[in-house]
Protein backbone atom coordinates (compact mmCIF):
# COMPACT_ATOMS: atom_id res chain seq x y z
CA MET A 1 -9.27 7.94 24.68
CA THR A 2 -9.01 7.63 20.88
CA ASP A 3 -12.78 7.40 20.47
CA PHE A 4 -13.21 10.38 22.81
CA LEU A 5 -10.82 12.57 20.82
CA VAL A 6 -12.31 11.52 17.48
CA LYS A 7 -15.86 12.15 18.70
CA HIS A 8 -15.11 15.64 20.03
CA PHE A 9 -12.68 16.94 17.41
CA ILE A 10 -13.73 15.37 14.08
CA LYS A 11 -17.10 16.06 12.51
CA ASN A 12 -18.65 13.29 10.38
CA SER A 13 -15.80 11.02 11.47
CA GLY A 14 -17.36 8.01 9.77
CA ASP A 15 -17.10 9.52 6.26
CA VAL A 16 -13.42 8.65 5.86
CA HIS A 17 -13.54 9.06 2.06
CA ASP A 18 -14.25 12.78 2.42
CA PRO A 19 -10.95 14.68 1.99
CA ALA A 20 -11.99 17.19 4.66
CA VAL A 21 -12.60 14.39 7.17
CA ARG A 22 -9.25 12.77 6.34
CA ALA A 23 -7.57 16.14 6.84
CA ALA A 24 -9.26 16.43 10.24
CA TYR A 25 -7.89 13.02 11.25
CA GLY A 26 -4.42 14.09 10.13
CA LYS A 27 -4.72 17.36 12.03
CA LEU A 28 -5.72 15.56 15.24
CA ALA A 29 -2.86 13.06 14.91
CA GLY A 30 -0.38 15.85 14.16
CA ILE A 31 -1.37 18.03 17.12
CA VAL A 32 -1.34 15.11 19.56
CA GLY A 33 2.06 14.03 18.25
CA ILE A 34 3.56 17.52 18.53
CA VAL A 35 2.35 18.05 22.11
CA CYS A 36 3.38 14.61 23.40
CA ASN A 37 6.79 14.56 21.73
CA LEU A 38 7.78 18.07 22.79
CA PHE A 39 6.84 17.21 26.38
CA LEU A 40 8.91 14.00 26.28
CA CYS A 41 11.83 15.76 24.59
CA ALA A 42 12.01 18.41 27.33
CA ALA A 43 11.76 15.79 30.09
CA LYS A 44 14.48 13.56 28.59
CA ILE A 45 16.88 16.42 27.90
CA THR A 46 16.60 17.38 31.56
CA ALA A 47 17.17 13.79 32.66
CA GLY A 48 20.04 13.35 30.20
CA VAL A 49 21.86 16.48 31.38
CA LEU A 50 21.44 15.51 35.04
CA SER A 51 22.68 11.96 34.49
CA GLY A 52 25.26 12.63 31.77
CA SER A 53 23.77 9.85 29.62
CA VAL A 54 24.26 10.17 25.87
CA SER A 55 21.62 7.49 25.25
CA ILE A 56 18.95 9.42 27.18
CA THR A 57 19.92 12.65 25.39
CA ALA A 58 19.86 10.80 22.07
CA ASP A 59 16.39 9.50 22.91
CA ALA A 60 15.34 13.10 23.57
CA VAL A 61 16.60 14.15 20.16
CA ASN A 62 14.61 11.28 18.69
CA ASN A 63 11.46 12.70 20.32
CA LEU A 64 12.28 16.10 18.83
CA SER A 65 12.47 14.50 15.39
CA ASP A 66 9.13 12.83 16.09
CA ALA A 67 7.61 16.23 16.79
CA SER A 68 8.97 17.43 13.44
CA SER A 69 7.47 14.34 11.81
CA SER A 70 4.11 15.20 13.33
CA ILE A 71 4.35 18.68 11.80
CA ILE A 72 5.07 17.09 8.41
CA THR A 73 2.07 14.78 8.85
CA LEU A 74 -0.13 17.72 9.79
CA VAL A 75 0.94 19.75 6.75
CA GLY A 76 0.76 16.71 4.47
CA PHE A 77 -2.84 15.93 5.35
CA ARG A 78 -3.83 19.55 4.93
CA LEU A 79 -2.28 19.78 1.46
CA SER A 80 -3.61 16.38 0.35
CA ALA A 81 -7.18 17.61 0.96
CA LYS A 82 -6.85 20.27 -1.74
CA PRO A 83 -9.27 19.66 -4.63
CA ALA A 84 -8.18 18.87 -8.19
CA ASP A 85 -7.00 21.75 -10.35
CA GLU A 86 -5.68 22.33 -13.88
CA GLU A 87 -2.16 21.19 -13.00
CA HIS A 88 -3.30 18.20 -10.90
CA PRO A 89 -6.55 16.88 -12.42
CA TYR A 90 -6.49 13.79 -10.17
CA GLY A 91 -6.19 15.76 -6.95
CA HIS A 92 -3.40 16.10 -4.39
CA ALA A 93 -4.01 13.01 -2.23
CA ARG A 94 -0.56 11.57 -3.00
CA ILE A 95 0.93 14.32 -0.85
CA GLU A 96 -0.08 12.09 2.07
CA TYR A 97 2.32 9.47 0.73
CA LEU A 98 5.02 12.13 0.44
CA ALA A 99 4.44 13.06 4.08
CA GLY A 100 5.05 9.43 5.06
CA LEU A 101 8.18 9.42 2.89
CA ALA A 102 9.48 12.55 4.63
CA VAL A 103 8.88 10.95 8.03
CA SER A 104 10.87 7.87 7.01
CA VAL A 105 13.76 10.00 5.74
CA MET A 106 13.87 11.92 9.02
CA ILE A 107 13.94 8.62 10.92
CA LEU A 108 16.97 7.53 8.86
CA VAL A 109 18.78 10.84 9.43
CA ILE A 110 18.24 10.62 13.18
CA GLY A 111 19.38 7.00 13.15
CA VAL A 112 22.67 7.95 11.50
CA GLU A 113 23.28 10.75 14.01
CA LEU A 114 22.50 8.48 16.96
CA ALA A 115 24.89 5.84 15.59
CA ARG A 116 27.65 8.46 15.33
CA SER A 117 27.06 9.58 18.92
CA GLY A 118 26.99 6.00 20.19
CA ILE A 119 30.28 5.11 18.47
CA GLY A 120 31.86 8.24 19.97
CA ARG A 121 30.75 7.24 23.48
CA ILE A 122 32.06 3.68 22.93
CA LEU A 123 35.48 5.03 21.93
CA HIS A 124 35.48 7.58 24.76
CA PRO A 125 33.31 6.18 27.59
CA THR A 126 32.21 8.39 30.47
CA PRO A 127 30.36 7.39 33.65
CA VAL A 128 26.57 7.72 33.76
CA THR A 129 24.73 8.82 36.89
CA PHE A 130 21.59 6.80 37.55
CA SER A 131 18.75 8.53 39.38
CA ALA A 132 15.13 7.91 40.22
CA VAL A 133 14.23 10.96 38.15
CA SER A 134 15.86 9.50 35.03
CA ALA A 135 14.12 6.16 35.54
CA ALA A 136 10.75 7.86 36.09
CA VAL A 137 11.13 9.96 32.94
CA LEU A 138 12.00 6.91 30.84
CA LEU A 139 9.11 4.88 32.27
CA LEU A 140 6.76 7.78 31.57
CA SER A 141 8.07 7.91 28.00
CA VAL A 142 7.40 4.21 27.48
CA GLY A 143 3.81 4.63 28.65
CA VAL A 144 3.15 7.70 26.51
CA LYS A 145 4.68 6.13 23.41
CA LEU A 146 2.68 2.92 23.87
CA TRP A 147 -0.49 5.00 23.88
CA MET A 148 0.67 7.05 20.86
CA ALA A 149 1.43 3.87 18.90
CA ALA A 150 -2.07 2.54 19.58
CA PHE A 151 -3.60 5.97 18.87
CA ASN A 152 -1.92 6.45 15.49
CA ARG A 153 -2.46 2.83 14.48
CA GLY A 154 -6.16 3.17 15.28
CA LEU A 155 -6.50 6.36 13.24
CA GLY A 156 -4.43 4.91 10.41
CA LYS A 157 -6.66 1.84 10.13
CA ARG A 158 -9.82 3.93 10.24
CA ILE A 159 -8.84 6.02 7.24
CA GLY A 160 -6.36 3.67 5.53
CA SER A 161 -3.40 6.03 5.93
CA ALA A 162 0.16 4.88 5.26
CA ALA A 163 1.48 8.08 6.86
CA LEU A 164 -0.27 7.40 10.19
CA GLU A 165 0.73 3.73 10.07
CA ALA A 166 4.35 4.90 9.67
CA THR A 167 3.93 7.24 12.64
CA ALA A 168 2.52 4.36 14.70
CA MET A 169 5.51 2.18 13.83
CA ASP A 170 7.84 5.01 14.80
CA SER A 171 6.14 5.28 18.20
CA ARG A 172 6.49 1.52 18.66
CA ASN A 173 10.19 1.81 17.86
CA ASP A 174 10.51 4.54 20.48
CA VAL A 175 9.04 2.20 23.10
CA ILE A 176 11.73 -0.38 22.33
CA SER A 177 14.57 2.14 22.18
CA THR A 178 13.57 3.89 25.41
CA ALA A 179 13.21 0.56 27.20
CA ALA A 180 16.71 -0.33 26.00
CA VAL A 181 18.11 2.95 27.33
CA LEU A 182 16.44 2.34 30.71
CA ALA A 183 17.89 -1.17 30.82
CA ALA A 184 21.37 0.19 30.09
CA CYS A 185 21.08 2.69 32.94
CA VAL A 186 19.91 0.05 35.42
CA ILE A 187 22.64 -2.43 34.41
CA ALA A 188 25.34 0.23 34.59
CA HIS A 189 24.15 1.31 38.06
CA PHE A 190 24.31 -2.17 39.57
CA THR A 191 27.28 -3.66 37.67
CA HIS A 192 29.32 -0.57 36.75
CA TRP A 193 29.48 -1.79 33.16
CA THR A 194 29.63 1.08 30.70
CA LEU A 195 26.88 0.17 28.26
CA ASP A 196 25.64 3.65 27.43
CA GLY A 197 27.44 3.94 24.08
CA TRP A 198 26.67 0.37 23.05
CA MET A 199 22.99 0.77 23.87
CA GLY A 200 22.89 4.07 22.02
CA LEU A 201 24.40 2.32 18.97
CA ALA A 202 21.91 -0.56 19.25
CA VAL A 203 19.02 1.90 19.41
CA ALA A 204 20.38 3.70 16.36
CA CYS A 205 20.64 0.45 14.36
CA PHE A 206 17.07 -0.44 15.27
CA ILE A 207 15.86 3.00 14.21
CA LEU A 208 17.71 2.67 10.89
CA TRP A 209 16.22 -0.78 10.27
CA SER A 210 12.69 0.41 10.95
CA GLY A 211 13.25 3.57 8.91
CA ILE A 212 14.20 1.51 5.87
CA GLY A 213 11.02 -0.55 6.27
CA ILE A 214 8.84 2.55 6.54
CA LEU A 215 10.63 4.07 3.54
CA LYS A 216 9.79 1.00 1.46
CA ASP A 217 6.14 1.06 2.55
CA THR A 218 5.71 4.72 1.58
CA LEU A 219 7.63 4.44 -1.70
CA ASN A 220 5.60 1.52 -3.06
CA PRO A 221 2.36 3.43 -3.75
CA LEU A 222 4.33 6.30 -5.28
CA LEU A 223 6.12 3.90 -7.64
CA GLY A 224 2.86 2.22 -8.63
CA GLU A 225 2.58 -1.03 -6.66
CA ALA A 226 0.27 -3.83 -7.68
CA PRO A 227 -3.28 -3.42 -6.37
CA ASP A 228 -4.36 -5.34 -3.31
CA GLU A 229 -5.48 -8.86 -4.21
CA ALA A 230 -8.62 -8.51 -2.10
CA LEU A 231 -9.56 -5.34 -3.99
CA THR A 232 -9.17 -6.89 -7.44
CA ALA A 233 -11.15 -9.94 -6.34
CA TYR A 234 -13.88 -7.67 -4.98
CA ILE A 235 -14.08 -5.64 -8.21
CA GLY A 236 -14.21 -8.77 -10.37
CA LYS A 237 -16.85 -10.45 -8.21
CA LYS A 238 -19.03 -7.35 -8.11
CA VAL A 239 -18.85 -6.79 -11.89
CA MET A 240 -19.68 -10.45 -12.51
CA SER A 241 -22.74 -10.17 -10.25
CA TYR A 242 -24.53 -8.02 -12.84
CA GLU A 243 -26.92 -9.75 -15.21
CA GLY A 244 -25.53 -10.05 -18.72
CA VAL A 245 -21.83 -9.98 -17.74
CA LEU A 246 -20.12 -13.14 -19.02
CA GLY A 247 -16.53 -12.43 -18.03
CA THR A 248 -13.96 -9.81 -17.07
CA HIS A 249 -10.30 -9.28 -17.84
CA ASP A 250 -7.56 -6.64 -18.18
CA LEU A 251 -8.34 -5.00 -14.84
CA MET A 252 -6.07 -2.06 -14.06
CA VAL A 253 -6.17 -0.03 -10.83
CA HIS A 254 -4.42 3.34 -10.45
CA ASP A 255 -3.82 4.83 -7.00
CA TYR A 256 -3.69 8.62 -6.85
CA GLY A 257 -3.73 8.68 -3.07
CA PRO A 258 -6.07 7.46 -0.33
CA GLY A 259 -9.65 7.76 -1.57
CA ARG A 260 -8.48 8.56 -5.13
CA ARG A 261 -8.61 5.29 -7.06
CA PHE A 262 -9.27 4.94 -10.76
CA ALA A 263 -9.75 1.61 -12.51
CA SER A 264 -10.49 0.17 -15.93
CA VAL A 265 -11.68 -3.30 -16.91
CA HIS A 266 -12.88 -5.17 -20.00
CA VAL A 267 -16.31 -6.76 -19.66
CA GLU A 268 -17.53 -9.55 -21.93
CA MET A 269 -21.22 -9.46 -22.86
CA ALA A 270 -23.31 -11.24 -25.48
CA ALA A 271 -22.95 -9.71 -28.94
CA GLU A 272 -26.54 -10.70 -29.76
CA GLU A 273 -27.97 -8.50 -26.98
CA ASP A 274 -29.30 -5.01 -27.74
CA VAL A 275 -26.30 -2.68 -27.57
CA MET A 276 -28.30 -0.01 -25.75
CA ARG A 277 -29.23 -2.53 -23.07
CA SER A 278 -25.60 -3.57 -22.65
CA HIS A 279 -24.55 0.08 -22.48
CA GLU A 280 -27.13 0.71 -19.76
CA ILE A 281 -25.78 -2.18 -17.68
CA ILE A 282 -22.25 -0.84 -18.02
CA ASP A 283 -23.40 2.63 -16.95
CA ASN A 284 -25.06 1.12 -13.87
CA ILE A 285 -21.88 -0.74 -12.92
CA GLU A 286 -19.72 2.37 -13.24
CA ARG A 287 -22.19 4.44 -11.21
CA ASP A 288 -22.37 1.77 -8.52
CA PHE A 289 -18.59 1.73 -8.03
CA LEU A 290 -18.33 5.51 -7.95
CA GLN A 291 -21.14 6.02 -5.44
CA ASN A 292 -20.57 3.07 -3.13
CA ASP A 293 -16.86 2.25 -3.46
CA HIS A 294 -15.44 5.67 -4.42
CA ILE A 295 -13.69 4.08 -7.41
CA SER A 296 -13.88 5.77 -10.81
CA LEU A 297 -14.31 2.69 -12.98
CA VAL A 298 -14.18 2.79 -16.78
CA ILE A 299 -15.49 -0.31 -18.58
CA HIS A 300 -14.58 -1.47 -22.08
CA PHE A 301 -17.30 -3.56 -23.73
CA ASP A 302 -16.15 -6.80 -25.42
CA PRO A 303 -18.98 -8.45 -27.45
CA ILE A 304 -18.96 -12.25 -27.35
CA ARG A 305 -20.86 -14.31 -29.94
CA THR A 306 -22.76 -16.69 -27.69
CA GLY A 307 -25.26 -17.82 -30.35
CA ASP A 308 -22.61 -19.21 -32.72
CA GLU A 309 -22.03 -22.84 -31.80
CA ALA A 310 -18.80 -23.00 -33.81
CA VAL A 311 -17.32 -20.06 -31.91
CA GLY A 312 -18.20 -21.66 -28.57
CA THR A 313 -16.76 -25.02 -29.61
CA HIS A 314 -13.51 -23.53 -30.89
CA ARG A 315 -13.15 -21.26 -27.84
CA GLU A 316 -13.38 -24.19 -25.45
CA TRP A 317 -10.98 -26.21 -27.60
CA VAL A 318 -8.39 -23.42 -27.56
CA ARG A 319 -8.95 -22.83 -23.84
CA GLY A 320 -8.12 -26.49 -23.20
CA LEU A 321 -4.98 -26.29 -25.36
CA VAL A 322 -3.74 -23.20 -23.56
CA GLN A 323 -4.41 -24.61 -20.10
CA SER A 324 -2.60 -27.82 -21.06
CA ILE A 325 0.52 -25.64 -21.05
CA SER A 326 -0.36 -24.27 -17.60
CA PRO A 327 -3.63 -24.09 -15.60
CA GLU A 328 -2.68 -20.49 -14.73
CA LEU A 329 -3.24 -19.35 -18.33
CA THR A 330 -6.57 -17.90 -19.48
CA ILE A 331 -7.92 -16.57 -22.79
CA HIS A 332 -10.32 -13.83 -23.80
CA ASP A 333 -11.45 -11.76 -26.81
CA PHE A 334 -11.82 -14.90 -28.90
CA ARG A 335 -13.02 -14.60 -32.50
CA ILE A 336 -12.82 -16.54 -35.78
CA VAL A 337 -11.88 -15.20 -39.22
CA GLU A 338 -12.38 -17.76 -41.98
CA GLY A 339 -10.30 -17.68 -45.18
CA LYS A 340 -10.06 -19.73 -48.36
CA THR A 341 -6.97 -21.71 -47.31
CA HIS A 342 -7.12 -21.56 -43.51
CA THR A 343 -9.02 -20.19 -40.51
CA ASN A 344 -7.51 -17.67 -38.09
CA LEU A 345 -8.33 -18.04 -34.42
CA ILE A 346 -7.64 -14.64 -32.87
CA PHE A 347 -7.48 -14.27 -29.09
CA ASP A 348 -5.54 -12.93 -26.11
CA THR A 349 -3.78 -15.12 -23.57
CA VAL A 350 -3.20 -13.87 -20.03
CA ALA A 351 -0.05 -15.11 -18.28
CA PRO A 352 0.71 -14.44 -14.59
CA HIS A 353 3.64 -12.27 -13.59
CA GLY A 354 6.91 -14.20 -13.65
CA PHE A 355 5.59 -16.96 -15.90
CA ALA A 356 8.25 -19.54 -16.80
CA LEU A 357 8.01 -19.02 -20.59
CA SER A 358 8.80 -15.78 -22.37
CA ASP A 359 6.09 -14.15 -24.47
CA ALA A 360 7.68 -15.42 -27.67
CA GLU A 361 8.04 -18.97 -26.31
CA LEU A 362 4.46 -19.05 -25.03
CA ARG A 363 3.07 -17.66 -28.28
CA SER A 364 5.05 -20.25 -30.30
CA ARG A 365 3.85 -23.11 -28.08
CA ILE A 366 0.20 -22.08 -28.47
CA GLN A 367 0.54 -21.65 -32.22
CA GLN A 368 2.05 -25.13 -32.56
CA LEU A 369 -0.82 -26.70 -30.61
CA VAL A 370 -3.46 -24.85 -32.62
CA THR A 371 -1.80 -25.72 -35.94
CA GLN A 372 -2.24 -29.41 -35.16
CA GLY A 373 -5.93 -28.65 -35.55
CA LEU A 374 -9.22 -30.28 -34.77
CA ASP A 375 -10.25 -33.50 -36.43
CA ASP A 376 -12.44 -31.65 -38.93
CA GLY A 377 -10.16 -31.36 -41.96
CA MET A 378 -9.66 -27.58 -41.47
CA ARG A 379 -6.32 -25.76 -41.19
CA TYR A 380 -6.08 -23.39 -38.18
CA TYR A 381 -3.64 -20.61 -37.39
CA ALA A 382 -3.47 -18.83 -34.02
CA VAL A 383 -3.06 -15.04 -33.86
CA VAL A 384 -2.16 -14.61 -30.20
CA THR A 385 -1.62 -11.49 -28.08
CA ILE A 386 0.10 -12.16 -24.74
CA ASP A 387 -1.21 -10.15 -21.79
CA HIS A 388 0.19 -10.16 -18.26
CA SER A 389 -1.69 -10.20 -14.99
CA TYR A 390 -0.22 -8.96 -11.72
CA ALA A 391 -3.23 -9.86 -9.58
CA PRO A 392 -5.89 -12.58 -9.89
CA ILE A 393 -9.40 -11.66 -10.96
CA PRO A 394 -12.46 -13.88 -11.39
CA GLU A 395 -12.89 -15.04 -14.95
CA LEU A 396 -15.59 -16.66 -17.07
């Protein structure tokens, strides 16, 4: 069914990086969600009134909130497709994240209201009338929501949408909550135990728990979460595959919404090579990422003196000293400045996030090791800049 709908309602469905195509996916998901949830809401309200069940009525209200969430998703995708302008030079794609955030907030609001209703029914229980109609409506709801969860999850994976993934999780939660309501009705019918309020409260707690999880997932990209490890590894491996590239470091990835990624990285290349040739290679790398990966990559060129044997020897010596402190540490931008009384070894050291030593402690440890010197009668000082890495990247 998902493939059928995508094929007939979305043109160029395979070009998921095109904002217009993403908007079409969001529009399809929104319309399907609105229609299905309004239908279920009407059916459950009818069943809830006939049976006098607060849990069924609460489940109907939950479907009404889901319809509102679908409207938010529909509007969010439409707005996120707007092109860049003077006030938003990086586009509007983050509105899709805001749509997911709005959905999670609505889930939390509904959860609180359902909890209040459930507590009220626990304190003041009333009998619930079980009927075949109520059971049929709830079973129908479970089936529809199972399909909607698979539908939204499928669309979300196709276009990498956090908003649709949140909608899919919400539909999955509805399956569990509706099944719980049905179980309460069946148990109450055969045992005369009044579980309606307790089940309504349990459903509300589950909705609140899932809403908090969805809220976290949608907030992370807005707050600037660390890039995916697979993505950083891919960027590093691809850059290193170009002839003339000796190493990479200081990779930074900025997410301005699905399909709107900007990145910067330092690339080490031989200082002895023709600068125009190195510049051409860098241009080719940037163009490759933009055309094939839809990533706007900016590369900083770091020249490395590969023909100077002393530089190579000292670099490897310092690398060994640094990694004697921890194998997780790396160095880059190494250079030598010789003076009359001593020689400065200038370089950057990259420490992983949460490293045991503070920057000052690590810098002091490295300086002490370097000061001990090589067995060549020279005096060495280390001028160290401490960098931090939040994701691994292939190195020289």
